[in-house]
Amino acid sequence: MSDRIDQLRKLLEAEPDDAFCLYGLAQEYAKLGDPQKALAYFDRTIAADPAYCYAYFHKARVLDSIDDTGAAVATLRSGLEQARACGDAHAASEIASYLDELT
């Protein structure tokens, strides 16, 4: 296990719903090739902060990597709706572009 994961877990102990730490853990597990843990942490990130738009994008990438394209598309659609709702045009553009690739 990486030092970054250990550091993020310690930070998370102090604040269990910290979306930044949850997202960081999801990214680390994705890099390590552990899609199930990555997906679990992306889900926790979205639950803690539904406006954390890039969590949807990267969750979809993990889903796509394990050949769950249907779930990836559904995740991107939710993320696009959220990005538009919070006025994050950059995230909306990137999510829409990835959605176009998958559909």
C-alpha atoms as a PDB file:
ATOM      1  CA  MET A   1       0.000   0.000   0.000  1.00  0.00           C
ATOM      2  CA  SER A   2       1.293   3.421  -0.871  1.00  0.00           C
ATOM      3  CA  ASP A   3       2.288   6.172   1.517  1.00  0.00           C
ATOM      4  CA  ARG A   4      -0.309   8.437  -0.128  1.00  0.00           C
ATOM      5  CA  ILE A   5      -3.063   5.994   0.753  1.00  0.00           C
ATOM      6  CA  ASP A   6      -1.851   5.871   4.344  1.00  0.00           C
ATOM      7  CA  GLN A   7      -1.757   9.671   4.529  1.00  0.00           C
ATOM      8  CA  LEU A   8      -5.215  10.036   3.015  1.00  0.00           C
ATOM      9  CA  ARG A   9      -6.670   7.421   5.354  1.00  0.00           C
ATOM     10  CA  LYS A  10      -5.261   9.272   8.367  1.00  0.00           C
ATOM     11  CA  LEU A  11      -6.792  12.521   7.145  1.00  0.00           C
ATOM     12  CA  LEU A  12     -10.072  10.734   6.558  1.00  0.00           C
ATOM     13  CA  GLU A  13     -10.135   9.463  10.142  1.00  0.00           C
ATOM     14  CA  ALA A  14     -10.366  13.061  11.309  1.00  0.00           C
ATOM     15  CA  GLU A  15     -13.075  13.949   8.796  1.00  0.00           C
ATOM     16  CA  PRO A  16     -14.814  10.859   7.343  1.00  0.00           C
ATOM     17  CA  ASP A  17     -16.869  12.808   4.800  1.00  0.00           C
ATOM     18  CA  ASP A  18     -14.020  14.856   3.352  1.00  0.00           C
ATOM     19  CA  ALA A  19     -14.717  14.642  -0.385  1.00  0.00           C
ATOM     20  CA  PHE A  20     -11.142  15.637  -1.268  1.00  0.00           C
ATOM     21  CA  CYS A  21      -9.675  12.728   0.722  1.00  0.00           C
ATOM     22  CA  LEU A  22     -12.303  10.294  -0.552  1.00  0.00           C
ATOM     23  CA  TYR A  23     -11.602  11.346  -4.135  1.00  0.00           C
ATOM     24  CA  GLY A  24      -7.860  11.061  -3.553  1.00  0.00           C
ATOM     25  CA  LEU A  25      -8.254   7.521  -2.230  1.00  0.00           C
ATOM     26  CA  ALA A  26     -10.434   6.598  -5.207  1.00  0.00           C
ATOM     27  CA  GLN A  27      -7.764   7.899  -7.579  1.00  0.00           C
ATOM     28  CA  GLU A  28      -4.996   6.036  -5.764  1.00  0.00           C
ATOM     29  CA  TYR A  29      -6.890   2.745  -5.874  1.00  0.00           C
ATOM     30  CA  ALA A  30      -7.647   3.299  -9.558  1.00  0.00           C
ATOM     31  CA  LYS A  31      -3.918   3.796 -10.208  1.00  0.00           C
ATOM     32  CA  LEU A  32      -3.152   0.620  -8.284  1.00  0.00           C
ATOM     33  CA  GLY A  33      -5.577  -1.322 -10.458  1.00  0.00           C
ATOM     34  CA  ASP A  34      -8.146  -2.000  -7.726  1.00  0.00           C
ATOM     35  CA  PRO A  35     -11.400  -1.010  -9.435  1.00  0.00           C
ATOM     36  CA  GLN A  36     -13.708  -2.200  -6.658  1.00  0.00           C
ATOM     37  CA  LYS A  37     -12.043  -0.043  -3.993  1.00  0.00           C
ATOM     38  CA  ALA A  38     -11.786   2.844  -6.442  1.00  0.00           C
ATOM     39  CA  LEU A  39     -15.490   2.631  -7.242  1.00  0.00           C
ATOM     40  CA  ALA A  40     -16.407   2.422  -3.563  1.00  0.00           C
ATOM     41  CA  TYR A  41     -14.433   5.604  -2.831  1.00  0.00           C
ATOM     42  CA  PHE A  42     -15.851   7.413  -5.868  1.00  0.00           C
ATOM     43  CA  ASP A  43     -19.328   6.509  -4.598  1.00  0.00           C
ATOM     44  CA  ARG A  44     -18.456   7.848  -1.156  1.00  0.00           C
ATOM     45  CA  THR A  45     -17.078  11.032  -2.735  1.00  0.00           C
ATOM     46  CA  ILE A  46     -20.305  11.607  -4.663  1.00  0.00           C
ATOM     47  CA  ALA A  47     -22.404  10.880  -1.568  1.00  0.00           C
ATOM     48  CA  ALA A  48     -20.350  13.344   0.492  1.00  0.00           C
ATOM     49  CA  ASP A  49     -20.378  16.048  -2.187  1.00  0.00           C
ATOM     50  CA  PRO A  50     -22.616  15.487  -5.227  1.00  0.00           C
ATOM     51  CA  ALA A  51     -21.089  18.598  -6.832  1.00  0.00           C
ATOM     52  CA  TYR A  52     -17.636  16.965  -6.996  1.00  0.00           C
ATOM     53  CA  CYS A  53     -18.062  16.620 -10.766  1.00  0.00           C
ATOM     54  CA  TYR A  54     -14.783  14.944 -11.633  1.00  0.00           C
ATOM     55  CA  ALA A  55     -15.666  12.026  -9.368  1.00  0.00           C
ATOM     56  CA  TYR A  56     -18.328  11.087 -11.911  1.00  0.00           C
ATOM     57  CA  PHE A  57     -15.867  11.375 -14.786  1.00  0.00           C
ATOM     58  CA  HIS A  58     -13.213   9.215 -13.172  1.00  0.00           C
ATOM     59  CA  LYS A  59     -15.742   6.730 -11.797  1.00  0.00           C
ATOM     60  CA  ALA A  60     -16.953   6.297 -15.382  1.00  0.00           C
ATOM     61  CA  ARG A  61     -13.364   5.686 -16.532  1.00  0.00           C
ATOM     62  CA  VAL A  62     -12.992   2.894 -13.986  1.00  0.00           C
ATOM     63  CA  LEU A  63     -16.336   1.403 -15.001  1.00  0.00           C
ATOM     64  CA  ASP A  64     -15.332   1.580 -18.651  1.00  0.00           C
ATOM     65  CA  SER A  65     -12.009  -0.109 -17.854  1.00  0.00           C
ATOM     66  CA  ILE A  66     -13.866  -3.106 -16.398  1.00  0.00           C
ATOM     67  CA  ASP A  67     -16.197  -3.219 -19.426  1.00  0.00           C
ATOM     68  CA  ASP A  68     -19.271  -1.895 -17.623  1.00  0.00           C
ATOM     69  CA  THR A  69     -20.085   0.641 -20.301  1.00  0.00           C
ATOM     70  CA  GLY A  70     -23.759   0.898 -19.339  1.00  0.00           C
ATOM     71  CA  ALA A  71     -22.894   1.957 -15.809  1.00  0.00           C
ATOM     72  CA  ALA A  72     -20.204   4.301 -17.136  1.00  0.00           C
ATOM     73  CA  VAL A  73     -22.751   6.017 -19.403  1.00  0.00           C
ATOM     74  CA  ALA A  74     -25.265   6.322 -16.543  1.00  0.00           C
ATOM     75  CA  THR A  75     -22.548   7.802 -14.305  1.00  0.00           C
ATOM     76  CA  LEU A  76     -21.552  10.322 -16.970  1.00  0.00           C
ATOM     77  CA  ARG A  77     -25.167  11.371 -17.478  1.00  0.00           C
ATOM     78  CA  SER A  78     -25.535  11.987 -13.745  1.00  0.00           C
ATOM     79  CA  GLY A  79     -22.251  13.865 -13.688  1.00  0.00           C
ATOM     80  CA  LEU A  80     -23.241  16.001 -16.657  1.00  0.00           C
ATOM     81  CA  GLU A  81     -26.520  16.919 -14.994  1.00  0.00           C
ATOM     82  CA  GLN A  82     -24.669  17.822 -11.800  1.00  0.00           C
ATOM     83  CA  ALA A  83     -21.978  19.836 -13.615  1.00  0.00           C
ATOM     84  CA  ARG A  84     -24.627  21.839 -15.433  1.00  0.00           C
ATOM     85  CA  ALA A  85     -26.592  22.363 -12.212  1.00  0.00           C
ATOM     86  CA  CYS A  86     -23.543  23.822 -10.460  1.00  0.00           C
ATOM     87  CA  GLY A  87     -22.416  25.829 -13.440  1.00  0.00           C
ATOM     88  CA  ASP A  88     -19.134  23.993 -13.951  1.00  0.00           C
ATOM     89  CA  ALA A  89     -18.825  24.447 -17.723  1.00  0.00           C
ATOM     90  CA  HIS A  90     -15.361  22.892 -17.911  1.00  0.00           C
ATOM     91  CA  ALA A  91     -16.404  19.696 -16.162  1.00  0.00           C
ATOM     92  CA  ALA A  92     -19.625  19.591 -18.197  1.00  0.00           C
ATOM     93  CA  SER A  93     -17.618  19.836 -21.409  1.00  0.00           C
ATOM     94  CA  GLU A  94     -15.215  17.053 -20.460  1.00  0.00           C
ATOM     95  CA  ILE A  95     -17.997  14.797 -19.209  1.00  0.00           C
ATOM     96  CA  ALA A  96     -20.076  15.411 -22.350  1.00  0.00           C
ATOM     97  CA  SER A  97     -17.085  14.640 -24.555  1.00  0.00           C
ATOM     98  CA  TYR A  98     -16.440  11.344 -22.774  1.00  0.00           C
ATOM     99  CA  LEU A  99     -20.157  10.521 -22.918  1.00  0.00           C
ATOM    100  CA  ASP A 100     -20.073  11.084 -26.685  1.00  0.00           C
ATOM    101  CA  GLU A 101     -17.163   8.628 -26.963  1.00  0.00           C
ATOM    102  CA  LEU A 102     -19.102   5.918 -25.153  1.00  0.00           C
ATOM    103  CA  THR A 103     -22.463   6.350 -26.853  1.00  0.00           C
END
